[in-house]
Amino acid sequence: MAVELAIGNGLLGVGAGLALGLGAIGTGLAQQQIIPAVLGAIAEDPKMLGKGLFFILLPETLVIFGFAIAMILIGKV
């Protein structure tokens, strides 16, 4: 059984790639400023470790949401 490829399927693939890729870029841009600040705060006060880990992990939700949207889009093919 041959799968008929249409422009719509290609655009869904592009959309899925953009959702994941732009989410990853946004996460990287956010973490490049957050991680040095958190490490500096932990160096001054080790009790800031818990809050610091929360702030480091918070931007990762962008990648998770991008992945979820990509899977939803790929499921429509």
N, C-alpha and C. Protein backbone atom coordinates (compact mmCIF):
# COMPACT_ATOMS: atom_id res chain seq x y z
N MET A 1 0.85 -1.17 0.00
CA MET A 1 0.00 0.00 0.00
C MET A 1 0.89 1.24 0.00
N ALA A 2 0.75 2.05 -0.98
CA ALA A 2 1.57 3.26 -1.11
C ALA A 2 0.91 4.41 -0.35
N VAL A 3 1.73 5.18 0.29
CA VAL A 3 1.23 6.35 1.02
C VAL A 3 1.29 7.54 0.08
N GLU A 4 0.17 8.18 -0.09
CA GLU A 4 0.13 9.36 -0.95
C GLU A 4 0.62 10.58 -0.17
N LEU A 5 1.67 11.18 -0.66
CA LEU A 5 2.21 12.35 0.00
C LEU A 5 1.57 13.61 -0.58
N ALA A 6 1.16 14.46 0.28
CA ALA A 6 0.54 15.71 -0.15
C ALA A 6 1.28 16.86 0.50
N ILE A 7 1.03 18.06 0.00
CA ILE A 7 1.69 19.24 0.56
C ILE A 7 1.30 19.45 2.02
N GLY A 8 0.08 19.05 2.36
CA GLY A 8 -0.36 19.20 3.75
C GLY A 8 0.46 18.38 4.71
N ASN A 9 0.82 17.15 4.31
CA ASN A 9 1.65 16.32 5.18
C ASN A 9 3.03 16.92 5.36
N GLY A 10 3.57 17.49 4.32
CA GLY A 10 4.88 18.13 4.42
C GLY A 10 4.84 19.35 5.33
N LEU A 11 3.76 20.12 5.20
CA LEU A 11 3.64 21.29 6.06
C LEU A 11 3.44 20.91 7.53
N LEU A 12 2.74 19.79 7.78
CA LEU A 12 2.63 19.31 9.16
C LEU A 12 4.00 18.93 9.71
N GLY A 13 4.84 18.32 8.88
CA GLY A 13 6.19 17.98 9.30
C GLY A 13 7.03 19.21 9.60
N VAL A 14 6.90 20.22 8.76
CA VAL A 14 7.61 21.48 9.00
C VAL A 14 7.12 22.13 10.29
N GLY A 15 5.82 22.12 10.50
CA GLY A 15 5.27 22.70 11.72
C GLY A 15 5.74 21.96 12.96
N ALA A 16 5.80 20.63 12.89
CA ALA A 16 6.29 19.85 14.03
C ALA A 16 7.76 20.16 14.30
N GLY A 17 8.54 20.27 13.25
CA GLY A 17 9.96 20.60 13.43
C GLY A 17 10.16 21.99 14.01
N LEU A 18 9.36 22.94 13.55
CA LEU A 18 9.45 24.29 14.10
C LEU A 18 9.03 24.34 15.56
N ALA A 19 7.99 23.60 15.92
CA ALA A 19 7.53 23.59 17.31
C ALA A 19 8.62 23.10 18.24
N LEU A 20 9.27 22.01 17.85
CA LEU A 20 10.32 21.46 18.70
C LEU A 20 11.60 22.29 18.64
N GLY A 21 11.98 22.70 17.44
CA GLY A 21 13.23 23.44 17.27
C GLY A 21 13.21 24.81 17.93
N LEU A 22 12.14 25.56 17.72
CA LEU A 22 12.06 26.89 18.32
C LEU A 22 11.91 26.81 19.84
N GLY A 23 11.23 25.76 20.32
CA GLY A 23 11.16 25.56 21.77
C GLY A 23 12.54 25.29 22.36
N ALA A 24 13.34 24.52 21.66
CA ALA A 24 14.69 24.22 22.14
C ALA A 24 15.58 25.46 22.10
N ILE A 25 15.44 26.27 21.06
CA ILE A 25 16.23 27.51 20.97
C ILE A 25 15.84 28.46 22.10
N GLY A 26 14.54 28.58 22.35
CA GLY A 26 14.08 29.44 23.45
C GLY A 26 14.59 28.97 24.79
N THR A 27 14.62 27.67 24.99
CA THR A 27 15.14 27.12 26.24
C THR A 27 16.62 27.44 26.39
N GLY A 28 17.37 27.28 25.32
CA GLY A 28 18.81 27.57 25.38
C GLY A 28 19.09 29.03 25.67
N LEU A 29 18.31 29.92 25.05
CA LEU A 29 18.50 31.35 25.30
C LEU A 29 18.16 31.71 26.74
N ALA A 30 17.14 31.08 27.29
CA ALA A 30 16.76 31.37 28.67
C ALA A 30 17.81 30.82 29.65
N GLN A 31 18.27 29.61 29.39
CA GLN A 31 19.19 28.99 30.32
C GLN A 31 20.59 29.60 30.29
N GLN A 32 20.96 30.25 29.20
CA GLN A 32 22.29 30.85 29.17
C GLN A 32 22.41 32.00 30.16
N GLN A 33 21.31 32.58 30.56
CA GLN A 33 21.35 33.65 31.55
C GLN A 33 20.99 33.14 32.94
N ILE A 34 20.16 32.12 33.01
CA ILE A 34 19.69 31.63 34.31
C ILE A 34 20.78 30.85 35.04
N ILE A 35 21.46 29.95 34.34
CA ILE A 35 22.40 29.05 35.01
C ILE A 35 23.56 29.79 35.68
N PRO A 36 24.21 30.77 35.04
CA PRO A 36 25.27 31.48 35.76
C PRO A 36 24.76 32.23 37.00
N ALA A 37 23.55 32.79 36.89
CA ALA A 37 23.00 33.50 38.05
C ALA A 37 22.71 32.54 39.19
N VAL A 38 22.17 31.37 38.87
CA VAL A 38 21.87 30.38 39.90
C VAL A 38 23.16 29.87 40.54
N LEU A 39 24.17 29.60 39.73
CA LEU A 39 25.44 29.12 40.29
C LEU A 39 26.08 30.17 41.20
N GLY A 40 25.96 31.44 40.82
CA GLY A 40 26.48 32.50 41.69
C GLY A 40 25.71 32.58 43.00
N ALA A 41 24.40 32.42 42.94
CA ALA A 41 23.59 32.45 44.16
C ALA A 41 23.90 31.26 45.06
N ILE A 42 24.12 30.10 44.46
CA ILE A 42 24.45 28.91 45.26
C ILE A 42 25.83 29.05 45.88
N ALA A 43 26.76 29.70 45.17
CA ALA A 43 28.11 29.90 45.73
C ALA A 43 28.06 30.81 46.95
N GLU A 44 27.15 31.79 46.93
CA GLU A 44 27.03 32.69 48.08
C GLU A 44 26.24 32.06 49.22
N ASP A 45 25.19 31.30 48.88
CA ASP A 45 24.32 30.71 49.90
C ASP A 45 23.90 29.32 49.44
N PRO A 46 24.50 28.26 49.98
CA PRO A 46 24.17 26.90 49.53
C PRO A 46 22.70 26.52 49.75
N LYS A 47 21.98 27.25 50.60
CA LYS A 47 20.56 26.95 50.82
C LYS A 47 19.71 27.30 49.61
N MET A 48 20.27 27.98 48.62
CA MET A 48 19.53 28.37 47.42
C MET A 48 19.49 27.26 46.37
N LEU A 49 20.02 26.08 46.69
CA LEU A 49 20.10 25.00 45.72
C LEU A 49 18.72 24.58 45.21
N GLY A 50 17.76 24.42 46.11
CA GLY A 50 16.42 23.99 45.70
C GLY A 50 15.74 24.99 44.78
N LYS A 51 15.78 26.26 45.16
CA LYS A 51 15.19 27.30 44.32
C LYS A 51 15.94 27.41 42.99
N GLY A 52 17.24 27.27 43.05
CA GLY A 52 18.04 27.36 41.84
C GLY A 52 17.72 26.25 40.85
N LEU A 53 17.56 25.03 41.35
CA LEU A 53 17.20 23.92 40.47
C LEU A 53 15.84 24.15 39.83
N PHE A 54 14.92 24.72 40.59
CA PHE A 54 13.60 25.03 40.03
C PHE A 54 13.73 26.02 38.88
N PHE A 55 14.52 27.06 39.06
CA PHE A 55 14.68 28.06 38.01
C PHE A 55 15.44 27.51 36.80
N ILE A 56 16.34 26.57 37.02
CA ILE A 56 17.05 25.95 35.90
C ILE A 56 16.11 25.05 35.10
N LEU A 57 15.24 24.33 35.78
CA LEU A 57 14.35 23.38 35.10
C LEU A 57 13.11 24.03 34.50
N LEU A 58 12.75 25.22 34.92
CA LEU A 58 11.54 25.88 34.44
C LEU A 58 11.53 26.08 32.92
N PRO A 59 12.60 26.55 32.29
CA PRO A 59 12.56 26.72 30.83
C PRO A 59 12.46 25.41 30.05
N GLU A 60 12.80 24.30 30.68
CA GLU A 60 12.73 23.01 29.99
C GLU A 60 11.30 22.67 29.59
N THR A 61 10.32 23.30 30.23
CA THR A 61 8.93 23.02 29.87
C THR A 61 8.65 23.47 28.44
N LEU A 62 9.40 24.44 27.92
CA LEU A 62 9.22 24.84 26.52
C LEU A 62 9.50 23.69 25.57
N VAL A 63 10.54 22.93 25.85
CA VAL A 63 10.87 21.79 24.99
C VAL A 63 9.81 20.70 25.13
N ILE A 64 9.34 20.48 26.36
CA ILE A 64 8.33 19.45 26.58
C ILE A 64 7.04 19.82 25.84
N PHE A 65 6.62 21.07 25.92
CA PHE A 65 5.42 21.50 25.21
C PHE A 65 5.62 21.43 23.70
N GLY A 66 6.79 21.82 23.22
CA GLY A 66 7.09 21.72 21.80
C GLY A 66 7.05 20.28 21.31
N PHE A 67 7.57 19.36 22.13
CA PHE A 67 7.54 17.95 21.78
C PHE A 67 6.10 17.43 21.74
N ALA A 68 5.29 17.84 22.71
CA ALA A 68 3.90 17.40 22.74
C ALA A 68 3.14 17.91 21.51
N ILE A 69 3.36 19.15 21.14
CA ILE A 69 2.68 19.70 19.97
C ILE A 69 3.17 19.01 18.70
N ALA A 70 4.47 18.72 18.64
CA ALA A 70 5.00 18.01 17.47
C ALA A 70 4.36 16.63 17.35
N MET A 71 4.18 15.93 18.46
CA MET A 71 3.56 14.62 18.40
C MET A 71 2.09 14.70 18.00
N ILE A 72 1.40 15.74 18.44
CA ILE A 72 0.02 15.94 18.02
C ILE A 72 -0.04 16.19 16.51
N LEU A 73 0.86 17.00 16.01
CA LEU A 73 0.87 17.29 14.57
C LEU A 73 1.23 16.06 13.75
N ILE A 74 2.21 15.30 14.20
CA ILE A 74 2.62 14.10 13.47
C ILE A 74 1.50 13.06 13.50
N GLY A 75 0.71 13.04 14.57
CA GLY A 75 -0.39 12.10 14.65
C GLY A 75 -1.50 12.37 13.65
N LYS A 76 -1.54 13.59 13.10
CA LYS A 76 -2.57 13.92 12.12
C LYS A 76 -2.26 13.42 10.73
N VAL A 77 -1.04 12.92 10.52
CA VAL A 77 -0.65 12.46 9.19
C VAL A 77 -1.33 11.15 8.87
